[in-house]
């Protein structure tokens, strides 16, 4: 049962960040999460999303990758 063993949420920022914080773009100048993540604010947005996910689902891991498959940030 995955609820007792934990899962790892893995993927591109747009899908994962939108899942964690559906209102992430509200009040911002960006039209897409990709634009936001590629901006100077991107690293903080990725980090904040990971920390929020871990507080919501402490038994699960998360890994956000860029389009080239490089890990942008992860937490076990």
C-alpha atoms as a PDB file:
ATOM      1  CA  UNK A   1       0.000   0.000   0.000  1.00  0.00           C
ATOM      2  CA  UNK A   2       1.621   3.241  -1.163  1.00  0.00           C
ATOM      3  CA  UNK A   3       0.161   5.212   1.750  1.00  0.00           C
ATOM      4  CA  UNK A   4       2.370   3.340   4.198  1.00  0.00           C
ATOM      5  CA  UNK A   5       5.457   3.000   1.985  1.00  0.00           C
ATOM      6  CA  UNK A   6       5.516   6.473   0.476  1.00  0.00           C
ATOM      7  CA  UNK A   7       5.668   7.589  -3.121  1.00  0.00           C
ATOM      8  CA  UNK A   8       7.873   9.984  -5.049  1.00  0.00           C
ATOM      9  CA  UNK A   9       6.153  12.705  -7.066  1.00  0.00           C
ATOM     10  CA  UNK A  10       8.437  13.210 -10.070  1.00  0.00           C
ATOM     11  CA  UNK A  11       8.092  15.457 -13.085  1.00  0.00           C
ATOM     12  CA  UNK A  12       8.204  18.840 -14.763  1.00  0.00           C
ATOM     13  CA  UNK A  13       7.500  21.999 -12.752  1.00  0.00           C
ATOM     14  CA  UNK A  14       4.279  23.023 -14.490  1.00  0.00           C
ATOM     15  CA  UNK A  15       2.310  19.944 -13.489  1.00  0.00           C
ATOM     16  CA  UNK A  16       3.789  19.474 -10.042  1.00  0.00           C
ATOM     17  CA  UNK A  17       3.727  23.109  -8.919  1.00  0.00           C
ATOM     18  CA  UNK A  18       0.177  23.551 -10.241  1.00  0.00           C
ATOM     19  CA  UNK A  19      -0.864  20.469  -8.226  1.00  0.00           C
ATOM     20  CA  UNK A  20       0.768  21.771  -5.044  1.00  0.00           C
ATOM     21  CA  UNK A  21      -0.334  25.398  -5.405  1.00  0.00           C
ATOM     22  CA  UNK A  22      -3.118  25.918  -7.971  1.00  0.00           C
ATOM     23  CA  UNK A  23      -3.046  29.698  -7.422  1.00  0.00           C
ATOM     24  CA  UNK A  24       0.722  30.074  -7.927  1.00  0.00           C
ATOM     25  CA  UNK A  25       0.299  32.451 -10.887  1.00  0.00           C
ATOM     26  CA  UNK A  26      -2.356  34.691  -9.320  1.00  0.00           C
ATOM     27  CA  UNK A  27      -1.122  38.263  -8.996  1.00  0.00           C
ATOM     28  CA  UNK A  28       2.045  37.536 -10.963  1.00  0.00           C
ATOM     29  CA  UNK A  29       3.119  38.881 -14.348  1.00  0.00           C
ATOM     30  CA  UNK A  30       3.696  35.400 -15.778  1.00  0.00           C
ATOM     31  CA  UNK A  31       1.195  33.538 -17.955  1.00  0.00           C
ATOM     32  CA  UNK A  32       2.686  30.089 -17.403  1.00  0.00           C
ATOM     33  CA  UNK A  33       4.458  28.265 -14.625  1.00  0.00           C
ATOM     34  CA  UNK A  34       7.317  27.571 -17.032  1.00  0.00           C
ATOM     35  CA  UNK A  35       7.854  31.339 -17.475  1.00  0.00           C
ATOM     36  CA  UNK A  36       7.773  31.788 -13.699  1.00  0.00           C
ATOM     37  CA  UNK A  37      10.232  28.950 -13.072  1.00  0.00           C
ATOM     38  CA  UNK A  38      12.644  30.292 -15.712  1.00  0.00           C
ATOM     39  CA  UNK A  39      12.581  33.773 -14.158  1.00  0.00           C
ATOM     40  CA  UNK A  40      14.825  34.992 -11.355  1.00  0.00           C
ATOM     41  CA  UNK A  41      12.109  33.952  -8.896  1.00  0.00           C
ATOM     42  CA  UNK A  42      12.155  30.384 -10.223  1.00  0.00           C
ATOM     43  CA  UNK A  43      14.481  28.720  -7.710  1.00  0.00           C
ATOM     44  CA  UNK A  44      12.501  30.135  -4.781  1.00  0.00           C
ATOM     45  CA  UNK A  45       9.187  29.042  -6.331  1.00  0.00           C
ATOM     46  CA  UNK A  46      10.509  25.505  -6.827  1.00  0.00           C
ATOM     47  CA  UNK A  47      11.909  25.377  -3.287  1.00  0.00           C
ATOM     48  CA  UNK A  48       8.723  26.753  -1.712  1.00  0.00           C
ATOM     49  CA  UNK A  49       6.618  24.250  -3.630  1.00  0.00           C
ATOM     50  CA  UNK A  50       8.757  21.356  -2.454  1.00  0.00           C
ATOM     51  CA  UNK A  51       8.583  22.518   1.157  1.00  0.00           C
ATOM     52  CA  UNK A  52       4.811  22.931   0.902  1.00  0.00           C
ATOM     53  CA  UNK A  53       4.442  19.440  -0.584  1.00  0.00           C
ATOM     54  CA  UNK A  54       6.558  17.935   2.210  1.00  0.00           C
ATOM     55  CA  UNK A  55       4.415  19.645   4.858  1.00  0.00           C
ATOM     56  CA  UNK A  56       1.242  18.341   3.178  1.00  0.00           C
ATOM     57  CA  UNK A  57       2.568  14.816   2.505  1.00  0.00           C
ATOM     58  CA  UNK A  58       5.474  14.157   4.903  1.00  0.00           C
ATOM     59  CA  UNK A  59       5.760  10.460   4.035  1.00  0.00           C
ATOM     60  CA  UNK A  60       6.307  11.073   0.338  1.00  0.00           C
ATOM     61  CA  UNK A  61       9.234  12.344  -1.715  1.00  0.00           C
ATOM     62  CA  UNK A  62       9.293  14.858  -4.535  1.00  0.00           C
ATOM     63  CA  UNK A  63      11.619  15.582  -7.432  1.00  0.00           C
ATOM     64  CA  UNK A  64      11.159  18.410  -9.928  1.00  0.00           C
ATOM     65  CA  UNK A  65      13.120  18.154 -13.169  1.00  0.00           C
ATOM     66  CA  UNK A  66      13.711  20.533 -16.061  1.00  0.00           C
ATOM     67  CA  UNK A  67      12.988  19.719 -19.717  1.00  0.00           C
ATOM     68  CA  UNK A  68      16.476  18.239 -20.130  1.00  0.00           C
ATOM     69  CA  UNK A  69      15.818  15.786 -17.286  1.00  0.00           C
ATOM     70  CA  UNK A  70      18.096  17.508 -14.770  1.00  0.00           C
ATOM     71  CA  UNK A  71      16.874  17.611 -11.183  1.00  0.00           C
ATOM     72  CA  UNK A  72      16.030  21.180 -10.222  1.00  0.00           C
ATOM     73  CA  UNK A  73      15.365  20.233  -6.606  1.00  0.00           C
ATOM     74  CA  UNK A  74      14.285  17.155  -4.685  1.00  0.00           C
ATOM     75  CA  UNK A  75      13.378  16.043  -1.185  1.00  0.00           C
ATOM     76  CA  UNK A  76      13.155  12.438   0.045  1.00  0.00           C
END
